[in-house]
Amino acid sequence: MPIDNKLIDDAGKKYRQLTEWFYLCCLAIFFITIYINGTTMVDQITYFNKLIFLRIEQAVTLLVMGKIVLLDKYPRKLTIKLLLIFMLITYICYRARAYEPLFYTVFLIGAKDVDFRKILKLYLTFGIPIFIVSAWLALNDYILNLTLQRPGDNTVRIALGNYSPSDAAAHIFYFMLAYALLKRFKWNIPEIISGIALLICVYTLTATKLDEILIILILLLCAGGYKYAVKFIQRFSLKQVRWGLWIYAVINVMLPLMFNPNSRIWSIINTLSSARLFFGQVAYHDYAIPLFGQFVYQNGNGSIKPGEAYFFIDSSFVRALLMYGLVFFIVAMFYIISSIESNIKQRNYNLVIALILVLLSSAIDNHLWDMAFNIVFLGMFADVQSDNEIVGIENESNTK
């Protein structure tokens, strides 16, 4: 009896749709819980409990791991390697008492064959309403609306239901980045005007300088600068891109070590970075760089304890090195940089630029492994459509 290829193709398509639907449902549940868990709603609304939400996150992560092992068509040897990676990251996160990288790794690998545009739409569909509800509850005193002032600055900064004003600004940055990816960095005039208005509003409320600079970059890219950014990337070989990104990562972990509080120039840089260099140096002083992770006690806005000095590591690079260890830092940066190289080869420049913006943000923010903020990394394993036919830019030789 002859084999009907059409039936096989239809069965394969339905199977892929089913696994994609399963993953997106898990991602939606996980995203909602981890997002709410990062707001003051969980502290003040009845039936919202951090531990319950954490258990939900763990359960959904196990379901996605089941998808990877049982449903995704990975070769047997590769499946074993993935399980070993999960075990290693679990051990590292256990030592650090922080499991964000483990959750992210599972959802990252589980994104195989999932349409990345659907992931972005899901992120915006749930993320923006939660942000609006949280901000409304905070502004109307239903939940805690943290207000902060920087030393020597009378500007009042409000967190809009988040644990810091910087978190509120970071949410807006990642929302705008996700929307820019959906629109392939091409916005019309009303969208540009809306983006500028949002920028002004966010800066007025949060006074977060560094995230606002990144939002301005997104606006410039979407207003016509995207093609110039692509041409700029094409000027470099893959080897130059690779080493440039490694140097950038190393500089980020070295700056706090080089910081000299007695130097006027360093003091200015530290002030511009909202004392991130100072607290990074304190972290290096109090903790050695581990091989496989360690617990770093922090007293930040999300867990502020009266009578204790504020201490929080904002830079995702420094956090990765000190909290999760040298092995994790090297492996994570290797895969991120390799993904950027791979997408340059495939001419997926929209994802390349988004990944670079995430790395720029991670120098000042601690959200690199937090899926309530950064959803962009899922594009490294998900199904990303090449945008070369949309950009209309000839591919140049940058694959050396």
Protein backbone atom coordinates (compact mmCIF):
# COMPACT_ATOMS: atom_id res chain seq x y z
CA MET A 1 0.00 0.00 0.00
CA PRO A 2 1.58 3.33 -1.08
CA ILE A 3 2.44 5.86 1.60
CA ASP A 4 0.43 9.07 1.44
CA ASN A 5 3.03 11.81 1.94
CA LYS A 6 0.31 14.40 2.37
CA LEU A 7 -1.14 12.50 5.33
CA ILE A 8 2.33 12.26 6.87
CA ASP A 9 2.91 15.97 6.37
CA ASP A 10 -0.49 16.83 7.86
CA ALA A 11 0.17 14.56 10.84
CA GLY A 12 3.57 16.19 11.36
CA LYS A 13 2.04 19.65 11.15
CA LYS A 14 -0.69 18.79 13.68
CA TYR A 15 1.92 17.25 16.01
CA ARG A 16 4.00 20.42 15.84
CA GLN A 17 0.93 22.58 16.45
CA LEU A 18 0.03 20.46 19.49
CA THR A 19 3.50 20.67 21.04
CA GLU A 20 3.61 24.40 20.28
CA TRP A 21 0.22 24.92 21.95
CA PHE A 22 1.36 22.93 24.99
CA TYR A 23 4.53 25.02 25.31
CA LEU A 24 2.71 28.34 24.91
CA CYS A 25 0.17 27.37 27.59
CA CYS A 26 3.00 26.50 29.99
CA LEU A 27 4.81 29.72 29.11
CA ALA A 28 1.67 31.79 29.73
CA ILE A 29 1.15 30.27 33.19
CA PHE A 30 4.81 30.63 34.08
CA PHE A 31 5.03 34.21 32.82
CA ILE A 32 1.94 35.38 34.70
CA THR A 33 3.12 33.85 37.98
CA ILE A 34 6.71 35.05 37.75
CA TYR A 35 5.59 38.54 36.74
CA ILE A 36 3.11 38.92 39.62
CA ASN A 37 5.72 37.43 41.95
CA GLY A 38 7.94 40.40 41.10
CA THR A 39 5.39 43.02 42.13
CA THR A 40 4.08 44.22 45.49
CA MET A 41 0.72 42.64 44.61
CA VAL A 42 2.02 39.36 45.96
CA ASP A 43 2.75 40.96 49.33
CA GLN A 44 -0.60 42.62 49.91
CA ILE A 45 -3.38 40.84 48.01
CA THR A 46 -5.08 37.93 49.74
CA TYR A 47 -4.40 34.50 48.19
CA PHE A 48 -1.31 35.86 46.42
CA ASN A 49 1.54 33.97 48.00
CA LYS A 50 5.17 33.91 46.86
CA LEU A 51 5.65 30.27 47.83
CA ILE A 52 2.51 29.12 46.00
CA PHE A 53 3.56 31.04 42.91
CA LEU A 54 7.04 29.51 43.12
CA ARG A 55 5.53 26.01 43.26
CA ILE A 56 3.45 26.80 40.17
CA GLU A 57 6.59 27.99 38.36
CA GLN A 58 8.42 24.79 39.32
CA ALA A 59 5.53 22.56 38.23
CA VAL A 60 5.17 24.24 34.84
CA THR A 61 8.94 24.08 34.31
CA LEU A 62 8.81 20.32 34.91
CA LEU A 63 6.05 20.03 32.29
CA VAL A 64 8.23 21.83 29.73
CA MET A 65 11.13 19.56 30.64
CA GLY A 66 8.81 16.63 29.93
CA LYS A 67 8.08 18.14 26.51
CA ILE A 68 11.80 18.33 25.77
CA VAL A 69 12.49 14.74 26.75
CA LEU A 70 9.33 13.04 25.47
CA LEU A 71 7.93 15.17 22.65
CA ASP A 72 10.77 17.13 21.05
CA LYS A 73 12.63 15.14 18.44
CA TYR A 74 16.16 15.52 19.78
CA PRO A 75 18.67 12.73 19.03
CA ARG A 76 19.22 10.40 21.99
CA LYS A 77 22.80 11.55 22.63
CA LEU A 78 21.76 15.19 22.54
CA THR A 79 18.89 14.48 24.95
CA ILE A 80 21.37 12.96 27.40
CA LYS A 81 23.61 16.02 27.06
CA LEU A 82 20.66 18.32 27.72
CA LEU A 83 19.77 16.35 30.85
CA LEU A 84 23.38 16.70 32.05
CA ILE A 85 23.19 20.45 31.42
CA PHE A 86 19.96 20.62 33.45
CA MET A 87 21.65 18.74 36.28
CA LEU A 88 24.66 21.07 36.25
CA ILE A 89 22.54 24.23 36.22
CA THR A 90 20.30 22.80 38.95
CA TYR A 91 23.39 22.26 41.10
CA ILE A 92 24.66 25.79 40.39
CA CYS A 93 21.29 27.36 41.16
CA TYR A 94 20.96 25.28 44.32
CA ARG A 95 24.27 26.65 45.56
CA ALA A 96 23.21 30.20 44.63
CA ARG A 97 19.69 29.74 46.06
CA ALA A 98 18.36 31.44 42.93
CA TYR A 99 16.70 29.38 40.18
CA GLU A 100 16.01 31.90 37.41
CA PRO A 101 18.74 30.51 35.07
CA LEU A 102 17.37 26.97 35.48
CA PHE A 103 13.84 28.05 34.62
CA TYR A 104 15.13 30.05 31.67
CA THR A 105 17.25 27.18 30.36
CA VAL A 106 14.29 24.79 30.37
CA PHE A 107 12.00 27.22 28.56
CA LEU A 108 14.81 28.19 26.19
CA ILE A 109 15.45 24.62 25.03
CA GLY A 110 11.72 23.86 25.13
CA ALA A 111 11.09 26.65 22.60
CA LYS A 112 12.28 24.37 19.79
CA ASP A 113 9.99 24.66 16.72
CA VAL A 114 7.77 27.25 18.47
CA ASP A 115 6.94 30.36 16.45
CA PHE A 116 8.89 33.19 18.10
CA ARG A 117 6.31 35.75 17.02
CA LYS A 118 3.67 33.87 19.03
CA ILE A 119 5.96 34.03 22.07
CA LEU A 120 6.35 37.80 21.63
CA LYS A 121 2.59 38.27 21.26
CA LEU A 122 1.96 36.19 24.38
CA TYR A 123 4.51 38.25 26.31
CA LEU A 124 2.86 41.53 25.32
CA THR A 125 -0.70 40.22 25.68
CA PHE A 126 -0.18 39.28 29.33
CA GLY A 127 2.66 41.58 30.33
CA ILE A 128 1.18 44.96 29.43
CA PRO A 129 -2.18 44.38 31.23
CA ILE A 130 -0.40 43.14 34.36
CA PHE A 131 1.84 46.23 34.31
CA ILE A 132 -1.16 48.54 33.91
CA VAL A 133 -3.17 46.82 36.68
CA SER A 134 -0.18 46.83 39.02
CA ALA A 135 0.50 50.52 38.35
CA TRP A 136 -3.18 51.43 38.86
CA LEU A 137 -3.36 49.52 42.14
CA ALA A 138 -0.17 51.19 43.34
CA LEU A 139 -1.18 54.72 42.33
CA ASN A 140 -4.53 54.24 44.12
CA ASP A 141 -2.86 52.86 47.29
CA TYR A 142 -4.34 49.36 47.02
CA ILE A 143 -0.82 47.93 47.01
CA LEU A 144 2.52 49.36 48.06
CA ASN A 145 3.89 52.01 45.71
CA LEU A 146 7.54 52.33 46.65
CA THR A 147 8.98 55.84 46.34
CA LEU A 148 12.72 56.44 46.29
CA GLN A 149 15.18 59.29 46.09
CA ARG A 150 18.82 59.09 45.14
CA PRO A 151 21.34 60.64 47.56
CA GLY A 152 21.71 64.34 46.82
CA ASP A 153 18.74 64.32 44.44
CA ASN A 154 15.29 65.59 45.44
CA THR A 155 13.55 63.88 42.51
CA VAL A 156 10.89 61.44 43.74
CA ARG A 157 10.93 58.17 41.82
CA ILE A 158 7.96 55.80 41.99
CA ALA A 159 7.97 52.07 41.33
CA LEU A 160 4.38 51.67 40.03
CA GLY A 161 3.81 48.46 41.96
CA ASN A 162 7.26 47.05 41.23
CA TYR A 163 10.06 46.66 43.74
CA SER A 164 12.00 49.57 42.28
CA PRO A 165 11.50 52.40 39.77
CA SER A 166 14.26 50.81 37.68
CA ASP A 167 12.15 47.66 37.38
CA ALA A 168 9.22 49.70 36.06
CA ALA A 169 11.45 51.36 33.45
CA ALA A 170 13.01 48.01 32.52
CA HIS A 171 9.54 46.54 31.89
CA ILE A 172 8.78 49.36 29.48
CA PHE A 173 12.11 48.86 27.72
CA TYR A 174 11.45 45.14 27.21
CA PHE A 175 7.84 45.74 26.12
CA MET A 176 9.03 48.21 23.50
CA LEU A 177 11.80 45.85 22.39
CA ALA A 178 9.32 42.98 21.97
CA TYR A 179 6.96 45.21 19.99
CA ALA A 180 9.87 46.41 17.85
CA LEU A 181 10.74 42.77 17.09
CA LEU A 182 7.13 42.07 16.08
CA LYS A 183 7.17 45.08 13.77
CA ARG A 184 10.70 44.28 12.56
CA PHE A 185 11.95 47.64 13.82
CA LYS A 186 9.68 49.55 11.45
CA TRP A 187 7.15 51.84 13.15
CA ASN A 188 4.80 54.34 11.58
CA ILE A 189 4.55 57.97 12.72
CA PRO A 190 1.73 57.40 15.30
CA GLU A 191 3.77 54.57 16.83
CA ILE A 192 6.87 56.76 17.03
CA ILE A 193 4.88 59.58 18.66
CA SER A 194 3.34 57.14 21.12
CA GLY A 195 6.80 55.79 21.92
CA ILE A 196 8.14 59.28 22.61
CA ALA A 197 5.16 60.07 24.84
CA LEU A 198 5.71 56.83 26.75
CA LEU A 199 9.40 57.65 27.10
CA ILE A 200 8.61 61.05 28.63
CA CYS A 201 6.01 59.54 30.94
CA VAL A 202 8.30 56.79 32.19
CA TYR A 203 11.21 59.15 32.76
CA THR A 204 8.97 61.60 34.62
CA LEU A 205 7.72 58.87 36.95
CA THR A 206 10.85 56.74 37.42
CA ALA A 207 13.77 59.08 36.56
CA THR A 208 15.70 56.03 35.38
CA LYS A 209 18.35 57.41 33.05
CA LEU A 210 20.00 54.30 31.69
CA ASP A 211 16.87 52.43 30.60
CA GLU A 212 15.60 55.62 28.98
CA ILE A 213 18.74 55.80 26.84
CA LEU A 214 18.03 52.28 25.62
CA ILE A 215 14.42 53.21 24.85
CA ILE A 216 15.71 56.16 22.81
CA LEU A 217 17.89 53.70 20.86
CA ILE A 218 14.81 51.59 20.09
CA LEU A 219 12.95 54.69 18.89
CA LEU A 220 15.85 55.68 16.65
CA LEU A 221 16.07 52.17 15.20
CA CYS A 222 12.32 52.08 14.53
CA ALA A 223 12.34 55.56 13.01
CA GLY A 224 14.68 54.52 10.21
CA GLY A 225 17.96 53.73 11.91
CA TYR A 226 17.54 49.96 11.65
CA LYS A 227 19.01 49.65 8.16
CA TYR A 228 22.04 51.67 9.22
CA ALA A 229 22.51 49.43 12.26
CA VAL A 230 22.42 46.38 9.97
CA LYS A 231 25.00 47.92 7.63
CA PHE A 232 27.18 48.71 10.64
CA ILE A 233 27.04 45.07 11.80
CA GLN A 234 27.86 43.88 8.29
CA ARG A 235 31.12 45.85 8.37
CA PHE A 236 32.58 43.37 10.84
CA SER A 237 33.60 39.76 10.39
CA LEU A 238 32.12 37.14 12.68
CA LYS A 239 35.49 36.84 14.40
CA GLN A 240 35.47 40.58 15.16
CA VAL A 241 31.89 40.39 16.46
CA ARG A 242 32.77 37.41 18.64
CA TRP A 243 35.81 39.04 20.23
CA GLY A 244 34.08 42.39 20.56
CA LEU A 245 31.26 40.81 22.58
CA TRP A 246 33.68 38.84 24.76
CA ILE A 247 35.66 42.00 25.47
CA TYR A 248 32.41 43.81 26.34
CA ALA A 249 31.46 41.06 28.81
CA VAL A 250 34.90 41.06 30.43
CA ILE A 251 34.92 44.86 30.74
CA ASN A 252 31.58 44.70 32.55
CA VAL A 253 32.89 42.32 35.20
CA MET A 254 36.19 44.21 35.50
CA LEU A 255 34.85 47.77 35.90
CA PRO A 256 33.82 47.36 39.58
CA LEU A 257 37.27 45.94 40.35
CA MET A 258 38.92 48.92 38.67
CA PHE A 259 36.66 51.47 40.37
CA ASN A 260 38.57 54.04 42.45
CA PRO A 261 36.26 56.08 44.73
CA ASN A 262 39.00 58.69 45.19
CA SER A 263 39.16 59.46 41.48
CA ARG A 264 36.93 62.26 40.19
CA ILE A 265 36.47 60.57 36.81
CA TRP A 266 35.54 57.24 38.39
CA SER A 267 33.17 59.02 40.79
CA ILE A 268 31.38 60.63 37.85
CA ILE A 269 31.06 57.25 36.10
CA ASN A 270 29.80 55.69 39.32
CA THR A 271 27.21 58.47 39.72
CA LEU A 272 26.03 58.05 36.13
CA SER A 273 25.65 54.32 36.76
CA SER A 274 23.63 54.95 39.95
CA ALA A 275 26.40 53.61 42.24
CA ARG A 276 26.55 50.27 40.42
CA LEU A 277 30.35 50.32 40.40
CA PHE A 278 30.47 50.94 44.13
CA PHE A 279 28.15 48.07 45.01
CA GLY A 280 29.92 45.82 42.51
CA GLN A 281 33.21 46.53 44.24
CA VAL A 282 31.64 45.77 47.61
CA ALA A 283 30.44 42.45 46.20
CA TYR A 284 33.93 41.51 45.00
CA HIS A 285 35.34 42.51 48.38
CA ASP A 286 32.88 40.37 50.35
CA TYR A 287 32.68 37.36 48.03
CA ALA A 288 35.25 35.40 46.06
CA ILE A 289 34.48 34.28 42.50
CA PRO A 290 33.16 30.69 42.82
CA LEU A 291 33.47 27.94 40.26
CA PHE A 292 29.90 26.62 40.54
CA GLY A 293 27.88 29.26 42.35
CA GLN A 294 27.35 30.58 45.85
CA PHE A 295 24.72 32.38 47.90
CA VAL A 296 25.20 36.15 47.91
CA TYR A 297 23.17 37.88 50.61
CA GLN A 298 21.53 41.03 49.25
CA ASN A 299 19.33 43.65 50.85
CA GLY A 300 17.62 45.31 47.92
CA ASN A 301 14.32 47.08 47.41
CA GLY A 302 12.49 43.79 46.98
CA SER A 303 13.60 42.53 50.39
CA ILE A 304 14.69 45.66 52.19
CA LYS A 305 15.26 45.08 55.89
CA PRO A 306 15.21 48.11 58.22
CA GLY A 307 18.48 48.72 60.01
CA GLU A 308 20.57 46.98 57.35
CA ALA A 309 22.63 48.73 54.73
CA TYR A 310 21.33 48.58 51.16
CA PHE A 311 23.31 46.16 49.02
CA PHE A 312 22.29 44.81 45.63
CA ILE A 313 24.21 43.70 42.53
CA ASP A 314 22.49 45.31 39.56
CA SER A 315 24.79 44.26 36.72
CA SER A 316 23.69 40.93 35.26
CA PHE A 317 27.29 40.19 34.29
CA VAL A 318 28.63 40.63 37.82
CA ARG A 319 25.65 38.69 39.22
CA ALA A 320 26.34 35.81 36.83
CA LEU A 321 29.99 35.65 37.85
CA LEU A 322 29.58 36.02 41.62
CA MET A 323 26.26 34.24 42.17
CA TYR A 324 26.40 31.45 39.57
CA GLY A 325 30.14 31.06 39.15
CA LEU A 326 32.86 31.15 36.54
CA VAL A 327 31.69 28.00 34.70
CA PHE A 328 28.16 29.36 34.28
CA PHE A 329 29.43 32.79 33.17
CA ILE A 330 31.69 31.34 30.47
CA VAL A 331 29.14 28.81 29.18
CA ALA A 332 26.27 31.33 29.16
CA MET A 333 28.29 33.98 27.33
CA PHE A 334 29.55 31.37 24.86
CA TYR A 335 26.01 30.34 23.90
CA ILE A 336 24.72 33.92 23.72
CA ILE A 337 27.60 35.06 21.52
CA SER A 338 27.39 31.91 19.38
CA SER A 339 23.67 32.59 18.87
CA ILE A 340 24.41 36.13 17.73
CA GLU A 341 26.98 34.79 15.24
CA SER A 342 24.55 32.16 13.97
CA ASN A 343 21.77 34.70 13.43
CA ILE A 344 24.16 37.01 11.59
CA LYS A 345 24.92 34.13 9.23
CA GLN A 346 21.18 33.55 8.74
CA ARG A 347 20.63 37.30 8.31
CA ASN A 348 18.18 37.45 11.22
CA TYR A 349 19.36 40.96 11.99
CA ASN A 350 16.26 41.92 13.97
CA LEU A 351 17.05 39.25 16.57
CA VAL A 352 20.77 40.11 16.49
CA ILE A 353 20.05 43.75 17.30
CA ALA A 354 17.57 42.77 20.01
CA LEU A 355 20.13 40.47 21.63
CA ILE A 356 22.74 43.24 21.56
CA LEU A 357 20.28 45.66 23.19
CA VAL A 358 19.59 43.06 25.89
CA LEU A 359 23.33 42.77 26.57
CA LEU A 360 23.59 46.55 26.78
CA SER A 361 20.71 46.62 29.25
CA SER A 362 22.27 43.81 31.28
CA ALA A 363 25.28 45.95 32.10
CA ILE A 364 23.02 48.05 34.33
CA ASP A 365 20.03 45.78 35.07
CA ASN A 366 19.74 42.42 36.81
CA HIS A 367 17.07 40.99 34.49
CA LEU A 368 19.12 38.94 32.04
CA TRP A 369 17.74 35.63 33.37
CA ASP A 370 14.36 36.96 34.49
CA MET A 371 11.60 35.93 32.07
CA ALA A 372 9.24 38.50 33.58
CA PHE A 373 11.44 40.99 31.73
CA ASN A 374 13.69 39.40 29.13
CA ILE A 375 11.87 37.08 26.76
CA VAL A 376 14.25 37.73 23.85
CA PHE A 377 16.59 34.80 24.55
CA LEU A 378 13.81 32.36 23.65
CA GLY A 379 14.39 33.43 20.05
CA MET A 380 17.73 31.56 20.15
CA PHE A 381 15.90 28.20 20.03
CA ALA A 382 12.46 29.19 18.71
CA ASP A 383 11.44 29.35 15.06
CA VAL A 384 12.62 32.78 13.88
CA GLN A 385 11.77 33.85 10.34
CA SER A 386 14.64 35.40 8.43
CA ASP A 387 14.01 39.07 7.77
CA ASN A 388 16.46 39.59 4.90
CA GLU A 389 13.69 39.83 2.30
CA ILE A 390 11.95 42.49 4.42
CA VAL A 391 15.00 44.58 5.23
CA GLY A 392 16.08 44.68 1.61
CA ILE A 393 19.77 44.82 2.45
CA GLU A 394 22.28 42.85 0.46
CA ASN A 395 24.23 40.30 2.42
CA GLU A 396 27.87 41.25 2.65
CA SER A 397 30.85 39.16 3.57
CA ASN A 398 30.92 39.02 7.35
CA THR A 399 31.19 35.28 7.83
CA LYS A 400 34.94 34.95 8.25
